[in-house]
Amino acid sequence: MKRICIFCGSSEGSRPEYRIATEELGAELVRRNIGLVFGGGNVGLMGVLADAVLKAGGEVVGVIPESLMAREIGHNGLTKLHVVRSMHERKALMADLSDAFIALPGGFGTLEEFCEVVTWSQLGLHAKPCGILNVLGYYSPLLAMFDRAVEERFLKPENRALVLARDKPADLLQALEDLRPVHVEKWLDRETR
């Protein structure tokens, strides 16, 4: 994997562990020689993540719409900052630049962006692994909802398996690396026949 797209909050949240885990993930990306693609903001966990990767000497590519440039305070110290016209362009470019996706704690935007890329995987539009860093069990209710969707037959078990979840940054990155795209592609071929 050359780059991973990470969705995360424009707030740091209420607990210091969110910031700590975000900094650990940024450092771990650089240790593994993986670049970061993110929403381009300089605030909240987005800013923490970008700064952690930059501090460790890594590549950081931001993608931010013009309308959010002022509100999210676009990060000016990045390797590359793409300013696009719309949220649709933002998400498409972030996906194109990335080999995998991770959700850190965040709000509606984080959830929407992550669920969209998982849906794209389910539909066979890409074969890139998707993972959740479940800091302090933040995403446990969402993961339980995914499991309930399987129980209620709104979601196939194979599609539920598209979302990996780990508590520690190194464990999540290893799980994403172990899920070789060829395995996902074989699964998608089988599902789309």
Protein backbone atom coordinates (compact mmCIF):
# COMPACT_ATOMS: atom_id res chain seq x y z
CA MET A 1 0.00 0.00 0.00
CA LYS A 2 1.34 3.40 -0.98
CA ARG A 3 -1.36 5.61 0.56
CA ILE A 4 -4.27 5.20 2.96
CA CYS A 5 -7.23 7.56 3.11
CA ILE A 6 -8.21 8.33 6.69
CA PHE A 7 -11.55 9.87 7.63
CA CYS A 8 -11.69 11.57 11.03
CA GLY A 9 -13.28 14.35 13.01
CA SER A 10 -12.81 18.09 12.64
CA SER A 11 -12.93 18.03 16.45
CA GLU A 12 -10.50 16.28 18.81
CA GLY A 13 -13.35 14.79 20.86
CA SER A 14 -13.69 14.73 24.62
CA ARG A 15 -10.87 12.34 25.59
CA PRO A 16 -7.10 12.63 25.18
CA GLU A 17 -6.95 8.99 24.00
CA TYR A 18 -8.46 10.01 20.66
CA ARG A 19 -5.57 12.39 20.02
CA ILE A 20 -3.00 9.86 21.26
CA ALA A 21 -4.33 7.09 19.00
CA THR A 22 -4.40 9.50 16.05
CA GLU A 23 -0.76 10.46 16.63
CA GLU A 24 0.18 6.79 16.96
CA LEU A 25 -1.57 5.98 13.68
CA GLY A 26 0.27 8.81 11.92
CA ALA A 27 3.65 7.62 13.21
CA GLU A 28 2.83 4.03 12.27
CA LEU A 29 1.98 5.06 8.71
CA VAL A 30 5.41 6.61 8.33
CA ARG A 31 7.13 3.57 9.89
CA ARG A 32 5.46 1.46 7.21
CA ASN A 33 6.28 3.97 4.44
CA ILE A 34 2.59 4.62 3.75
CA GLY A 35 1.40 8.09 2.74
CA LEU A 36 -1.70 9.76 4.14
CA VAL A 37 -4.69 11.03 2.17
CA PHE A 38 -7.18 13.00 4.27
CA GLY A 39 -9.74 15.81 4.21
CA GLY A 40 -7.16 18.60 4.14
CA GLY A 41 -8.20 20.39 7.32
CA ASN A 42 -5.93 21.82 10.01
CA VAL A 43 -8.42 21.35 12.86
CA GLY A 44 -9.48 18.50 15.14
CA LEU A 45 -8.19 14.99 14.58
CA MET A 46 -7.58 15.89 10.92
CA GLY A 47 -4.94 18.42 11.93
CA VAL A 48 -3.49 16.12 14.60
CA LEU A 49 -3.13 13.31 12.06
CA ALA A 50 -1.55 15.44 9.35
CA ASP A 51 0.88 17.01 11.82
CA ALA A 52 1.88 13.59 13.21
CA VAL A 53 2.68 12.25 9.74
CA LEU A 54 4.54 15.41 8.73
CA LYS A 55 6.52 15.44 12.00
CA ALA A 56 7.66 11.88 11.32
CA GLY A 57 8.73 12.81 7.77
CA GLY A 58 5.84 11.25 5.84
CA GLU A 59 3.79 12.24 2.81
CA VAL A 60 0.46 14.00 3.44
CA VAL A 61 -2.04 14.71 0.67
CA GLY A 62 -5.10 16.76 1.58
CA VAL A 63 -8.29 17.17 -0.44
CA ILE A 64 -10.67 19.95 0.59
CA PRO A 65 -13.59 21.68 -1.15
CA GLU A 66 -13.44 25.44 -1.67
CA SER A 67 -16.49 25.86 0.57
CA LEU A 68 -14.70 24.25 3.53
CA MET A 69 -11.32 25.87 3.00
CA ALA A 70 -12.12 28.69 5.44
CA ARG A 71 -14.39 26.75 7.83
CA GLU A 72 -12.04 23.78 8.32
CA ILE A 73 -8.97 25.98 7.96
CA GLY A 74 -7.14 24.20 5.16
CA HIS A 75 -3.75 22.87 6.21
CA ASN A 76 -1.02 24.79 4.37
CA GLY A 77 1.98 22.67 5.40
CA LEU A 78 1.09 19.53 3.46
CA THR A 79 3.04 17.68 0.80
CA LYS A 80 0.11 18.47 -1.53
CA LEU A 81 -3.25 20.16 -0.96
CA HIS A 82 -5.94 19.69 -3.62
CA VAL A 83 -8.71 22.32 -3.48
CA VAL A 84 -11.76 20.99 -5.32
CA ARG A 85 -15.20 22.39 -6.15
CA SER A 86 -17.47 19.98 -4.30
CA MET A 87 -17.77 17.25 -1.68
CA HIS A 88 -18.38 14.77 -4.51
CA GLU A 89 -15.08 15.70 -6.14
CA ARG A 90 -13.37 15.53 -2.75
CA LYS A 91 -14.53 11.98 -2.05
CA ALA A 92 -13.80 10.75 -5.58
CA LEU A 93 -10.27 12.15 -5.57
CA MET A 94 -9.53 10.83 -2.07
CA ALA A 95 -10.66 7.37 -3.20
CA ASP A 96 -8.62 7.52 -6.41
CA LEU A 97 -5.45 8.50 -4.52
CA SER A 98 -5.77 5.74 -1.90
CA ASP A 99 -5.15 2.01 -1.59
CA ALA A 100 -7.22 1.52 1.60
CA PHE A 101 -9.52 3.43 3.95
CA ILE A 102 -9.63 3.94 7.72
CA ALA A 103 -12.17 5.65 9.96
CA LEU A 104 -10.95 7.29 13.15
CA PRO A 105 -13.47 8.72 15.62
CA GLY A 106 -15.57 11.47 14.09
CA GLY A 107 -19.11 12.65 13.45
CA PHE A 108 -21.59 12.53 10.59
CA GLY A 109 -19.02 13.37 7.89
CA THR A 110 -16.64 10.65 9.00
CA LEU A 111 -19.44 8.07 9.15
CA GLU A 112 -20.86 9.11 5.78
CA GLU A 113 -17.52 9.03 3.99
CA PHE A 114 -16.50 5.68 5.47
CA CYS A 115 -19.86 4.02 4.81
CA GLU A 116 -19.79 5.30 1.24
CA VAL A 117 -16.41 3.69 0.45
CA VAL A 118 -17.57 0.44 2.09
CA THR A 119 -20.68 0.56 -0.10
CA TRP A 120 -18.49 1.11 -3.16
CA SER A 121 -16.54 -2.00 -2.17
CA GLN A 122 -19.75 -3.98 -1.71
CA LEU A 123 -20.89 -2.90 -5.18
CA GLY A 124 -17.57 -3.87 -6.74
CA LEU A 125 -16.53 -0.32 -7.63
CA HIS A 126 -13.17 -0.84 -5.91
CA ALA A 127 -11.25 -3.63 -4.19
CA LYS A 128 -9.60 -1.57 -1.44
CA PRO A 129 -9.73 -2.71 2.20
CA CYS A 130 -11.71 -0.68 4.75
CA GLY A 131 -10.95 -0.54 8.47
CA ILE A 132 -12.08 1.14 11.66
CA LEU A 133 -9.73 2.18 14.46
CA ASN A 134 -12.02 1.49 17.40
CA VAL A 135 -10.44 3.80 19.98
CA LEU A 136 -11.98 3.27 23.44
CA GLY A 137 -14.78 1.28 21.81
CA TYR A 138 -16.03 4.42 20.05
CA TYR A 139 -17.31 2.42 17.08
CA SER A 140 -18.57 -0.63 19.02
CA PRO A 141 -22.23 0.47 18.68
CA LEU A 142 -21.79 0.89 14.92
CA LEU A 143 -20.11 -2.50 14.60
CA ALA A 144 -22.97 -4.02 16.62
CA MET A 145 -25.41 -2.35 14.19
CA PHE A 146 -23.57 -3.96 11.26
CA ASP A 147 -23.85 -7.33 13.02
CA ARG A 148 -27.56 -6.75 13.62
CA ALA A 149 -28.01 -5.92 9.93
CA VAL A 150 -26.57 -9.38 9.18
CA GLU A 151 -28.88 -11.02 11.73
CA GLU A 152 -31.89 -9.26 10.21
CA ARG A 153 -30.70 -10.18 6.68
CA PHE A 154 -30.21 -6.64 5.43
CA LEU A 155 -26.49 -7.32 5.03
CA LYS A 156 -24.74 -10.45 3.80
CA PRO A 157 -22.04 -11.86 6.10
CA GLU A 158 -19.52 -11.50 3.25
CA ASN A 159 -20.30 -7.80 2.99
CA ARG A 160 -20.07 -7.34 6.78
CA ALA A 161 -16.58 -8.86 6.52
CA LEU A 162 -15.53 -5.93 4.32
CA VAL A 163 -15.19 -3.79 7.49
CA LEU A 164 -12.16 -4.66 9.60
CA ALA A 165 -11.93 -3.25 13.13
CA ARG A 166 -9.00 -3.14 15.54
CA ASP A 167 -8.22 -1.23 18.75
CA LYS A 168 -4.56 -0.45 18.02
CA PRO A 169 -3.11 1.40 15.01
CA ALA A 170 -0.39 -1.16 14.26
CA ASP A 171 -2.89 -4.04 14.43
CA LEU A 172 -5.29 -2.30 12.06
CA LEU A 173 -2.60 -1.43 9.51
CA GLN A 174 -1.32 -5.01 9.61
CA ALA A 175 -4.84 -6.36 9.06
CA LEU A 176 -5.32 -4.04 6.06
CA GLU A 177 -1.95 -5.06 4.61
CA ASP A 178 -2.75 -8.75 5.12
CA LEU A 179 -5.97 -8.36 3.14
CA ARG A 180 -4.35 -8.35 -0.24
CA PRO A 181 -6.40 -6.63 -2.96
CA VAL A 182 -6.30 -9.82 -5.04
CA HIS A 183 -8.33 -11.59 -2.32
CA VAL A 184 -10.90 -8.82 -2.35
CA GLU A 185 -11.01 -8.87 -6.16
CA LYS A 186 -11.59 -12.65 -6.19
CA TRP A 187 -14.41 -12.21 -3.69
CA LEU A 188 -15.93 -9.38 -5.75
CA ASP A 189 -15.75 -11.51 -8.92
CA ARG A 190 -17.61 -14.29 -7.14
CA GLU A 191 -20.27 -11.91 -5.76
CA THR A 192 -20.96 -10.06 -9.01
CA ARG A 193 -21.50 -13.15 -11.17
